[in-house]
PDB file of N, CA and C in Angstrom:
ATOM      1  N   LYS A   1      -0.897 -21.679   3.392  1.00  0.00           N
ATOM      2  CA  LYS A   1      -1.832 -20.571   3.284  1.00  0.00           C
ATOM      3  C   LYS A   1      -1.989 -19.904   4.653  1.00  0.00           C
ATOM      4  N   MET A   2      -1.966 -18.596   4.657  1.00  0.00           N
ATOM      5  CA  MET A   2      -1.990 -17.849   5.908  1.00  0.00           C
ATOM      6  C   MET A   2      -3.244 -18.099   6.741  1.00  0.00           C
ATOM      7  N   ASN A   3      -4.372 -18.334   6.084  1.00  0.00           N
ATOM      8  CA  ASN A   3      -5.637 -18.530   6.794  1.00  0.00           C
ATOM      9  C   ASN A   3      -5.572 -19.613   7.860  1.00  0.00           C
ATOM     10  N   ASN A   4      -4.709 -20.604   7.660  1.00  0.00           N
ATOM     11  CA  ASN A   4      -4.607 -21.698   8.621  1.00  0.00           C
ATOM     12  C   ASN A   4      -4.015 -21.235   9.948  1.00  0.00           C
ATOM     13  N   HIS A   5      -3.197 -20.195   9.910  1.00  0.00           N
ATOM     14  CA  HIS A   5      -2.500 -19.762  11.114  1.00  0.00           C
ATOM     15  C   HIS A   5      -3.291 -18.738  11.921  1.00  0.00           C
ATOM     16  N   PHE A   6      -3.880 -17.783  11.255  1.00  0.00           N
ATOM     17  CA  PHE A   6      -4.582 -16.701  11.941  1.00  0.00           C
ATOM     18  C   PHE A   6      -6.041 -16.668  11.511  1.00  0.00           C
ATOM     19  N   LYS A   7      -6.928 -16.885  12.477  1.00  0.00           N
ATOM     20  CA  LYS A   7      -8.364 -16.817  12.169  1.00  0.00           C
ATOM     21  C   LYS A   7      -8.906 -15.423  12.464  1.00  0.00           C
ATOM     22  N   CYS A   8      -8.423 -14.863  13.564  1.00  0.00           N
ATOM     23  CA  CYS A   8      -8.948 -13.580  14.029  1.00  0.00           C
ATOM     24  C   CYS A   8      -7.804 -12.578  14.150  1.00  0.00           C
ATOM     25  N   ILE A   9      -7.956 -11.429  13.514  1.00  0.00           N
ATOM     26  CA  ILE A   9      -6.889 -10.425  13.482  1.00  0.00           C
ATOM     27  C   ILE A   9      -7.403  -9.109  14.057  1.00  0.00           C
ATOM     28  N   GLY A  10      -6.632  -8.538  14.977  1.00  0.00           N
ATOM     29  CA  GLY A  10      -6.993  -7.257  15.585  1.00  0.00           C
ATOM     30  C   GLY A  10      -6.252  -6.110  14.915  1.00  0.00           C
ATOM     31  N   ILE A  11      -6.942  -4.990  14.737  1.00  0.00           N
ATOM     32  CA  ILE A  11      -6.320  -3.780  14.195  1.00  0.00           C
ATOM     33  C   ILE A  11      -6.234  -2.761  15.326  1.00  0.00           C
ATOM     34  N   VAL A  12      -5.004  -2.312  15.595  1.00  0.00           N
ATOM     35  CA  VAL A  12      -4.698  -1.528  16.787  1.00  0.00           C
ATOM     36  C   VAL A  12      -3.929  -0.267  16.414  1.00  0.00           C
ATOM     37  N   GLY A  13      -4.006   0.750  17.278  1.00  0.00           N
ATOM     38  CA  GLY A  13      -3.216   1.969  17.096  1.00  0.00           C
ATOM     39  C   GLY A  13      -4.071   3.181  17.395  1.00  0.00           C
ATOM     40  N   HIS A  14      -3.462   4.236  17.877  1.00  0.00           N
ATOM     41  CA  HIS A  14      -4.252   5.433  18.168  1.00  0.00           C
ATOM     42  C   HIS A  14      -4.266   6.342  16.961  1.00  0.00           C
ATOM     43  N   PRO A  15      -5.439   6.510  16.379  1.00  0.00           N
ATOM     44  CA  PRO A  15      -5.543   7.232  15.110  1.00  0.00           C
ATOM     45  C   PRO A  15      -5.439   8.738  15.300  1.00  0.00           C
ATOM     46  N   ARG A  16      -4.263   9.290  15.048  1.00  0.00           N
ATOM     47  CA  ARG A  16      -4.102  10.741  15.116  1.00  0.00           C
ATOM     48  C   ARG A  16      -3.879  11.327  13.738  1.00  0.00           C
ATOM     49  N   HIS A  17      -3.244  10.544  12.883  1.00  0.00           N
ATOM     50  CA  HIS A  17      -2.891  11.046  11.555  1.00  0.00           C
ATOM     51  C   HIS A  17      -3.829  10.472  10.504  1.00  0.00           C
ATOM     52  N   PRO A  18      -4.232  11.298   9.538  1.00  0.00           N
ATOM     53  CA  PRO A  18      -5.049  10.796   8.426  1.00  0.00           C
ATOM     54  C   PRO A  18      -4.371   9.622   7.709  1.00  0.00           C
ATOM     55  N   THR A  19      -3.037   9.661   7.618  1.00  0.00           N
ATOM     56  CA  THR A  19      -2.296   8.574   6.954  1.00  0.00           C
ATOM     57  C   THR A  19      -2.523   7.251   7.672  1.00  0.00           C
ATOM     58  N   ALA A  20      -2.429   7.285   8.998  1.00  0.00           N
ATOM     59  CA  ALA A  20      -2.630   6.068   9.788  1.00  0.00           C
ATOM     60  C   ALA A  20      -4.070   5.582   9.639  1.00  0.00           C
ATOM     61  N   LEU A  21      -5.009   6.511   9.674  1.00  0.00           N
ATOM     62  CA  LEU A  21      -6.420   6.126   9.528  1.00  0.00           C
ATOM     63  C   LEU A  21      -6.688   5.485   8.177  1.00  0.00           C
ATOM     64  N   THR A  22      -6.086   6.038   7.131  1.00  0.00           N
ATOM     65  CA  THR A  22      -6.230   5.454   5.792  1.00  0.00           C
ATOM     66  C   THR A  22      -5.691   4.029   5.792  1.00  0.00           C
ATOM     67  N   THR A  23      -4.544   3.831   6.440  1.00  0.00           N
ATOM     68  CA  THR A  23      -3.937   2.498   6.529  1.00  0.00           C
ATOM     69  C   THR A  23      -4.860   1.549   7.295  1.00  0.00           C
ATOM     70  N   HIS A  24      -5.412   2.017   8.419  1.00  0.00           N
ATOM     71  CA  HIS A  24      -6.352   1.200   9.199  1.00  0.00           C
ATOM     72  C   HIS A  24      -7.515   0.738   8.325  1.00  0.00           C
ATOM     73  N   GLU A  25      -8.080   1.684   7.584  1.00  0.00           N
ATOM     74  CA  GLU A  25      -9.263   1.361   6.785  1.00  0.00           C
ATOM     75  C   GLU A  25      -8.934   0.397   5.652  1.00  0.00           C
ATOM     76  N   MET A  26      -7.828   0.632   4.953  1.00  0.00           N
ATOM     77  CA  MET A  26      -7.422  -0.264   3.861  1.00  0.00           C
ATOM     78  C   MET A  26      -7.163  -1.669   4.395  1.00  0.00           C
ATOM     79  N   LEU A  27      -6.480  -1.740   5.531  1.00  0.00           N
ATOM     80  CA  LEU A  27      -6.162  -3.022   6.152  1.00  0.00           C
ATOM     81  C   LEU A  27      -7.445  -3.758   6.547  1.00  0.00           C
ATOM     82  N   TYR A  28      -8.364  -3.033   7.173  1.00  0.00           N
ATOM     83  CA  TYR A  28      -9.640  -3.626   7.587  1.00  0.00           C
ATOM     84  C   TYR A  28     -10.375  -4.221   6.382  1.00  0.00           C
ATOM     85  N   ARG A  29     -10.506  -3.438   5.335  1.00  0.00           N
ATOM     86  CA  ARG A  29     -11.250  -3.897   4.152  1.00  0.00           C
ATOM     87  C   ARG A  29     -10.554  -5.084   3.478  1.00  0.00           C
ATOM     88  N   TRP A  30      -9.231  -5.030   3.403  1.00  0.00           N
ATOM     89  CA  TRP A  30      -8.467  -6.117   2.771  1.00  0.00           C
ATOM     90  C   TRP A  30      -8.622  -7.418   3.560  1.00  0.00           C
ATOM     91  N   LEU A  31      -8.475  -7.327   4.886  1.00  0.00           N
ATOM     92  CA  LEU A  31      -8.608  -8.530   5.723  1.00  0.00           C
ATOM     93  C   LEU A  31     -10.009  -9.129   5.604  1.00  0.00           C
ATOM     94  N   CYS A  32     -11.024  -8.276   5.551  1.00  0.00           N
ATOM     95  CA  CYS A  32     -12.407  -8.761   5.406  1.00  0.00           C
ATOM     96  C   CYS A  32     -12.589  -9.487   4.077  1.00  0.00           C
ATOM     97  N   THR A  33     -12.017  -8.948   3.003  1.00  0.00           N
ATOM     98  CA  THR A  33     -12.167  -9.608   1.696  1.00  0.00           C
ATOM     99  C   THR A  33     -11.452 -10.954   1.683  1.00  0.00           C
ATOM    100  N   LYS A  34     -10.429 -11.107   2.533  1.00  0.00           N
ATOM    101  CA  LYS A  34      -9.689 -12.374   2.598  1.00  0.00           C
ATOM    102  C   LYS A  34     -10.362 -13.380   3.528  1.00  0.00           C
ATOM    103  N   GLY A  35     -11.460 -12.974   4.153  1.00  0.00           N
ATOM    104  CA  GLY A  35     -12.232 -13.905   4.970  1.00  0.00           C
ATOM    105  C   GLY A  35     -11.805 -14.031   6.420  1.00  0.00           C
ATOM    106  N   TYR A  36     -10.979 -13.105   6.893  1.00  0.00           N
ATOM    107  CA  TYR A  36     -10.579 -13.143   8.304  1.00  0.00           C
ATOM    108  C   TYR A  36     -11.667 -12.539   9.177  1.00  0.00           C
ATOM    109  N   GLU A  37     -11.736 -13.022  10.416  1.00  0.00           N
ATOM    110  CA  GLU A  37     -12.541 -12.333  11.422  1.00  0.00           C
ATOM    111  C   GLU A  37     -11.669 -11.174  11.899  1.00  0.00           C
ATOM    112  N   VAL A  38     -12.215  -9.973  11.937  1.00  0.00           N
ATOM    113  CA  VAL A  38     -11.415  -8.795  12.286  1.00  0.00           C
ATOM    114  C   VAL A  38     -12.027  -8.097  13.499  1.00  0.00           C
ATOM    115  N   ILE A  39     -11.178  -7.760  14.471  1.00  0.00           N
ATOM    116  CA  ILE A  39     -11.606  -6.946  15.612  1.00  0.00           C
ATOM    117  C   ILE A  39     -10.847  -5.626  15.511  1.00  0.00           C
ATOM    118  N   VAL A  40     -11.581  -4.524  15.563  1.00  0.00           N
ATOM    119  CA  VAL A  40     -10.968  -3.204  15.440  1.00  0.00           C
ATOM    120  C   VAL A  40     -10.998  -2.519  16.803  1.00  0.00           C
ATOM    121  N   GLU A  41      -9.871  -1.932  17.202  1.00  0.00           N
ATOM    122  CA  GLU A  41      -9.836  -1.187  18.458  1.00  0.00           C
ATOM    123  C   GLU A  41     -10.939  -0.116  18.414  1.00  0.00           C
ATOM    124  N   GLN A  42     -11.656   0.019  19.526  1.00  0.00           N
ATOM    125  CA  GLN A  42     -12.858   0.864  19.580  1.00  0.00           C
ATOM    126  C   GLN A  42     -12.666   2.269  19.014  1.00  0.00           C
ATOM    127  N   GLN A  43     -11.576   2.932  19.393  1.00  0.00           N
ATOM    128  CA  GLN A  43     -11.346   4.312  18.962  1.00  0.00           C
ATOM    129  C   GLN A  43     -11.180   4.412  17.442  1.00  0.00           C
ATOM    130  N   ILE A  44     -10.515   3.422  16.864  1.00  0.00           N
ATOM    131  CA  ILE A  44     -10.308   3.408  15.407  1.00  0.00           C
ATOM    132  C   ILE A  44     -11.652   3.234  14.692  1.00  0.00           C
ATOM    133  N   ALA A  45     -12.449   2.297  15.178  1.00  0.00           N
ATOM    134  CA  ALA A  45     -13.766   2.055  14.573  1.00  0.00           C
ATOM    135  C   ALA A  45     -14.614   3.323  14.644  1.00  0.00           C
ATOM    136  N   HIS A  46     -14.516   4.036  15.775  1.00  0.00           N
ATOM    137  CA  HIS A  46     -15.265   5.284  15.958  1.00  0.00           C
ATOM    138  C   HIS A  46     -14.786   6.347  14.964  1.00  0.00           C
ATOM    139  N   GLU A  47     -13.468   6.524  14.860  1.00  0.00           N
ATOM    140  CA  GLU A  47     -12.896   7.532  13.950  1.00  0.00           C
ATOM    141  C   GLU A  47     -13.247   7.239  12.492  1.00  0.00           C
ATOM    142  N   LEU A  48     -13.246   5.962  12.131  1.00  0.00           N
ATOM    143  CA  LEU A  48     -13.527   5.580  10.742  1.00  0.00           C
ATOM    144  C   LEU A  48     -15.025   5.449  10.471  1.00  0.00           C
ATOM    145  N   GLN A  49     -15.824   5.573  11.551  1.00  0.00           N
ATOM    146  CA  GLN A  49     -17.280   5.415  11.456  1.00  0.00           C
ATOM    147  C   GLN A  49     -17.650   4.085  10.802  1.00  0.00           C
ATOM    148  N   LEU A  50     -16.953   3.026  11.226  1.00  0.00           N
ATOM    149  CA  LEU A  50     -17.236   1.689  10.696  1.00  0.00           C
ATOM    150  C   LEU A  50     -18.511   1.156  11.342  1.00  0.00           C
ATOM    151  N   LYS A  51     -19.384   0.621  10.538  1.00  0.00           N
ATOM    152  CA  LYS A  51     -20.643   0.059  11.041  1.00  0.00           C
ATOM    153  C   LYS A  51     -20.565  -1.473  10.981  1.00  0.00           C
ATOM    154  N   ASN A  52     -21.311  -2.123  11.868  1.00  0.00           N
ATOM    155  CA  ASN A  52     -21.374  -3.597  11.890  1.00  0.00           C
ATOM    156  C   ASN A  52     -19.996  -4.236  11.941  1.00  0.00           C
ATOM    157  N   VAL A  53     -19.131  -3.673  12.775  1.00  0.00           N
ATOM    158  CA  VAL A  53     -17.782  -4.206  12.902  1.00  0.00           C
ATOM    159  C   VAL A  53     -17.588  -4.644  14.351  1.00  0.00           C
ATOM    160  N   LYS A  54     -16.851  -5.725  14.538  1.00  0.00           N
ATOM    161  CA  LYS A  54     -16.555  -6.190  15.890  1.00  0.00           C
ATOM    162  C   LYS A  54     -15.461  -5.288  16.462  1.00  0.00           C
ATOM    163  N   THR A  55     -15.714  -4.686  17.625  1.00  0.00           N
ATOM    164  CA  THR A  55     -14.721  -3.802  18.233  1.00  0.00           C
ATOM    165  C   THR A  55     -14.334  -4.323  19.608  1.00  0.00           C
ATOM    166  N   GLY A  56     -13.210  -3.840  20.113  1.00  0.00           N
ATOM    167  CA  GLY A  56     -12.775  -4.234  21.441  1.00  0.00           C
ATOM    168  C   GLY A  56     -11.685  -3.319  21.959  1.00  0.00           C
ATOM    169  N   THR A  57     -11.426  -3.441  23.250  1.00  0.00           N
ATOM    170  CA  THR A  57     -10.297  -2.734  23.847  1.00  0.00           C
ATOM    171  C   THR A  57      -9.028  -3.495  23.458  1.00  0.00           C
ATOM    172  N   LEU A  58      -7.900  -2.908  23.754  1.00  0.00           N
ATOM    173  CA  LEU A  58      -6.626  -3.574  23.466  1.00  0.00           C
ATOM    174  C   LEU A  58      -6.548  -4.919  24.196  1.00  0.00           C
ATOM    175  N   ALA A  59      -6.986  -4.941  25.457  1.00  0.00           N
ATOM    176  CA  ALA A  59      -6.960  -6.186  26.236  1.00  0.00           C
ATOM    177  C   ALA A  59      -7.890  -7.242  25.627  1.00  0.00           C
ATOM    178  N   GLU A  60      -9.065  -6.816  25.165  1.00  0.00           N
ATOM    179  CA  GLU A  60     -10.001  -7.765  24.536  1.00  0.00           C
ATOM    180  C   GLU A  60      -9.418  -8.326  23.241  1.00  0.00           C
ATOM    181  N   ILE A  61      -8.747  -7.467  22.482  1.00  0.00           N
ATOM    182  CA  ILE A  61      -8.084  -7.936  21.263  1.00  0.00           C
ATOM    183  C   ILE A  61      -7.007  -8.956  21.636  1.00  0.00           C
ATOM    184  N   GLY A  62      -6.275  -8.690  22.712  1.00  0.00           N
ATOM    185  CA  GLY A  62      -5.259  -9.626  23.195  1.00  0.00           C
ATOM    186  C   GLY A  62      -5.847 -10.990  23.526  1.00  0.00           C
ATOM    187  N   GLN A  63      -7.039 -10.983  24.106  1.00  0.00           N
ATOM    188  CA  GLN A  63      -7.699 -12.236  24.499  1.00  0.00           C
ATOM    189  C   GLN A  63      -8.293 -12.977  23.306  1.00  0.00           C
ATOM    190  N   LEU A  64      -8.836 -12.239  22.340  1.00  0.00           N
ATOM    191  CA  LEU A  64      -9.644 -12.857  21.287  1.00  0.00           C
ATOM    192  C   LEU A  64      -8.914 -13.109  19.970  1.00  0.00           C
ATOM    193  N   ALA A  65      -7.925 -12.276  19.657  1.00  0.00           N
ATOM    194  CA  ALA A  65      -7.289 -12.365  18.338  1.00  0.00           C
ATOM    195  C   ALA A  65      -6.032 -13.240  18.370  1.00  0.00           C
ATOM    196  N   ASP A  66      -5.673 -13.771  17.204  1.00  0.00           N
ATOM    197  CA  ASP A  66      -4.440 -14.560  17.054  1.00  0.00           C
ATOM    198  C   ASP A  66      -3.274 -13.663  16.650  1.00  0.00           C
ATOM    199  N   LEU A  67      -3.609 -12.527  16.039  1.00  0.00           N
ATOM    200  CA  LEU A  67      -2.602 -11.604  15.518  1.00  0.00           C
ATOM    201  C   LEU A  67      -3.115 -10.186  15.695  1.00  0.00           C
ATOM    202  N   ALA A  68      -2.235  -9.280  16.135  1.00  0.00           N
ATOM    203  CA  ALA A  68      -2.591  -7.857  16.199  1.00  0.00           C
ATOM    204  C   ALA A  68      -1.688  -7.098  15.243  1.00  0.00           C
ATOM    205  N   VAL A  69      -2.276  -6.221  14.446  1.00  0.00           N
ATOM    206  CA  VAL A  69      -1.505  -5.345  13.571  1.00  0.00           C
ATOM    207  C   VAL A  69      -1.598  -3.948  14.167  1.00  0.00           C
ATOM    208  N   VAL A  70      -0.445  -3.419  14.602  1.00  0.00           N
ATOM    209  CA  VAL A  70      -0.390  -2.104  15.233  1.00  0.00           C
ATOM    210  C   VAL A  70       0.066  -1.089  14.196  1.00  0.00           C
ATOM    211  N   VAL A  71      -0.781  -0.097  13.921  1.00  0.00           N
ATOM    212  CA  VAL A  71      -0.436   0.943  12.954  1.00  0.00           C
ATOM    213  C   VAL A  71      -0.160   2.223  13.726  1.00  0.00           C
ATOM    214  N   GLY A  72       1.029   2.788  13.546  1.00  0.00           N
ATOM    215  CA  GLY A  72       1.340   4.034  14.236  1.00  0.00           C
ATOM    216  C   GLY A  72       2.832   4.225  14.366  1.00  0.00           C
ATOM    217  N   GLY A  73       3.209   5.120  15.255  1.00  0.00           N
ATOM    218  CA  GLY A  73       4.619   5.392  15.505  1.00  0.00           C
ATOM    219  C   GLY A  73       5.186   4.450  16.546  1.00  0.00           C
ATOM    220  N   ASP A  74       6.450   4.652  16.872  1.00  0.00           N
ATOM    221  CA  ASP A  74       7.133   3.792  17.847  1.00  0.00           C
ATOM    222  C   ASP A  74       6.410   3.759  19.189  1.00  0.00           C
ATOM    223  N   GLY A  75       5.925   4.913  19.629  1.00  0.00           N
ATOM    224  CA  GLY A  75       5.219   4.987  20.917  1.00  0.00           C
ATOM    225  C   GLY A  75       3.993   4.088  20.936  1.00  0.00           C
ATOM    226  N   ASN A  76       3.209   4.141  19.861  1.00  0.00           N
ATOM    227  CA  ASN A  76       2.024   3.277  19.738  1.00  0.00           C
ATOM    228  C   ASN A  76       2.419   1.817  19.799  1.00  0.00           C
ATOM    229  N   MET A  77       3.462   1.482  19.044  1.00  0.00           N
ATOM    230  CA  MET A  77       3.879   0.078  18.956  1.00  0.00           C
ATOM    231  C   MET A  77       4.356  -0.439  20.302  1.00  0.00           C
ATOM    232  N   LEU A  78       5.182   0.362  20.985  1.00  0.00           N
ATOM    233  CA  LEU A  78       5.706  -0.067  22.285  1.00  0.00           C
ATOM    234  C   LEU A  78       4.587  -0.177  23.315  1.00  0.00           C
ATOM    235  N   GLY A  79       3.685   0.795  23.315  1.00  0.00           N
ATOM    236  CA  GLY A  79       2.563   0.774  24.258  1.00  0.00           C
ATOM    237  C   GLY A  79       1.668  -0.438  24.039  1.00  0.00           C
ATOM    238  N   ALA A  80       1.346  -0.696  22.781  1.00  0.00           N
ATOM    239  CA  ALA A  80       0.487  -1.843  22.453  1.00  0.00           C
ATOM    240  C   ALA A  80       1.199  -3.147  22.793  1.00  0.00           C
ATOM    241  N   ALA A  81       2.481  -3.232  22.443  1.00  0.00           N
ATOM    242  CA  ALA A  81       3.252  -4.454  22.706  1.00  0.00           C
ATOM    243  C   ALA A  81       3.318  -4.737  24.202  1.00  0.00           C
ATOM    244  N   ARG A  82       3.443  -3.686  25.002  1.00  0.00           N
ATOM    245  CA  ARG A  82       3.504  -3.839  26.463  1.00  0.00           C
ATOM    246  C   ARG A  82       2.220  -4.489  26.979  1.00  0.00           C
ATOM    247  N   THR A  83       1.081  -4.035  26.509  1.00  0.00           N
ATOM    248  CA  THR A  83      -0.204  -4.611  26.934  1.00  0.00           C
ATOM    249  C   THR A  83      -0.396  -6.012  26.361  1.00  0.00           C
ATOM    250  N   LEU A  84      -0.101  -6.163  25.071  1.00  0.00           N
ATOM    251  CA  LEU A  84      -0.358  -7.440  24.394  1.00  0.00           C
ATOM    252  C   LEU A  84       0.598  -8.554  24.831  1.00  0.00           C
ATOM    253  N   ALA A  85       1.726  -8.193  25.440  1.00  0.00           N
ATOM    254  CA  ALA A  85       2.716  -9.187  25.886  1.00  0.00           C
ATOM    255  C   ALA A  85       2.112 -10.177  26.882  1.00  0.00           C
ATOM    256  N   ARG A  86       1.047  -9.777  27.564  1.00  0.00           N
ATOM    257  CA  ARG A  86       0.391 -10.662  28.549  1.00  0.00           C
ATOM    258  C   ARG A  86      -0.405 -11.784  27.897  1.00  0.00           C
ATOM    259  N   TYR A  87      -0.644 -11.665  26.602  1.00  0.00           N
ATOM    260  CA  TYR A  87      -1.527 -12.609  25.915  1.00  0.00           C
ATOM    261  C   TYR A  87      -0.763 -13.446  24.902  1.00  0.00           C
ATOM    262  N   ASP A  88      -1.388 -14.544  24.510  1.00  0.00           N
ATOM    263  CA  ASP A  88      -0.789 -15.427  23.506  1.00  0.00           C
ATOM    264  C   ASP A  88      -1.187 -14.916  22.123  1.00  0.00           C
ATOM    265  N   ILE A  89      -0.494 -13.875  21.680  1.00  0.00           N
ATOM    266  CA  ILE A  89      -0.865 -13.224  20.423  1.00  0.00           C
ATOM    267  C   ILE A  89       0.401 -12.757  19.708  1.00  0.00           C
ATOM    268  N   LYS A  90       0.394 -12.858  18.404  1.00  0.00           N
ATOM    269  CA  LYS A  90       1.504 -12.347  17.595  1.00  0.00           C
ATOM    270  C   LYS A  90       1.220 -10.877  17.292  1.00  0.00           C
ATOM    271  N   VAL A  91       2.290 -10.075  17.153  1.00  0.00           N
ATOM    272  CA  VAL A  91       2.122  -8.645  16.895  1.00  0.00           C
ATOM    273  C   VAL A  91       2.979  -8.228  15.704  1.00  0.00           C
ATOM    274  N   ILE A  92       2.367  -7.497  14.771  1.00  0.00           N
ATOM    275  CA  ILE A  92       3.089  -6.926  13.631  1.00  0.00           C
ATOM    276  C   ILE A  92       2.919  -5.415  13.711  1.00  0.00           C
ATOM    277  N   GLY A  93       3.995  -4.663  13.479  1.00  0.00           N
ATOM    278  CA  GLY A  93       3.911  -3.205  13.484  1.00  0.00           C
ATOM    279  C   GLY A  93       4.003  -2.636  12.079  1.00  0.00           C
ATOM    280  N   ILE A  94       3.156  -1.646  11.790  1.00  0.00           N
ATOM    281  CA  ILE A  94       3.260  -0.884  10.540  1.00  0.00           C
ATOM    282  C   ILE A  94       3.575   0.545  10.952  1.00  0.00           C
ATOM    283  N   ASN A  95       4.778   1.019  10.619  1.00  0.00           N
ATOM    284  CA  ASN A  95       5.212   2.333  11.079  1.00  0.00           C
ATOM    285  C   ASN A  95       4.571   3.442  10.256  1.00  0.00           C
ATOM    286  N   ARG A  96       3.782   4.263  10.944  1.00  0.00           N
ATOM    287  CA  ARG A  96       3.148   5.414  10.302  1.00  0.00           C
ATOM    288  C   ARG A  96       3.410   6.666  11.135  1.00  0.00           C
ATOM    289  N   GLY A  97       4.501   6.664  11.894  1.00  0.00           N
ATOM    290  CA  GLY A  97       4.820   7.830  12.719  1.00  0.00           C
ATOM    291  C   GLY A  97       5.628   8.838  11.924  1.00  0.00           C
ATOM    292  N   ASN A  98       5.805  10.026  12.509  1.00  0.00           N
ATOM    293  CA  ASN A  98       6.705  10.988  11.881  1.00  0.00           C
ATOM    294  C   ASN A  98       7.733  11.433  12.912  1.00  0.00           C
ATOM    295  N   LEU A  99       8.912  11.767  12.433  1.00  0.00           N
ATOM    296  CA  LEU A  99       9.998  12.177  13.330  1.00  0.00           C
ATOM    297  C   LEU A  99       9.802  13.613  13.770  1.00  0.00           C
TER     298      LEU A  99
END
């Protein structure tokens, strides 16, 4: 069962596109229903107007979370991966960029 591996999951990415924001919100709600502790990057939480949610900077997510899910284009993924590489965290990318 996945719950044994990841207790805390970070949601990352710079929300520019409505599509990406929709993905962020669906992911957040799904993870919460599955009982994970979720940390949302501050800008995403602000854009989605999420209340009573744990937020953090990318570095804080790197320190606190076991897994980061990066939603966005290649640039977002590479930028986030560069920062998160300093931490003991797994990273998954969901491509929501456009060419």
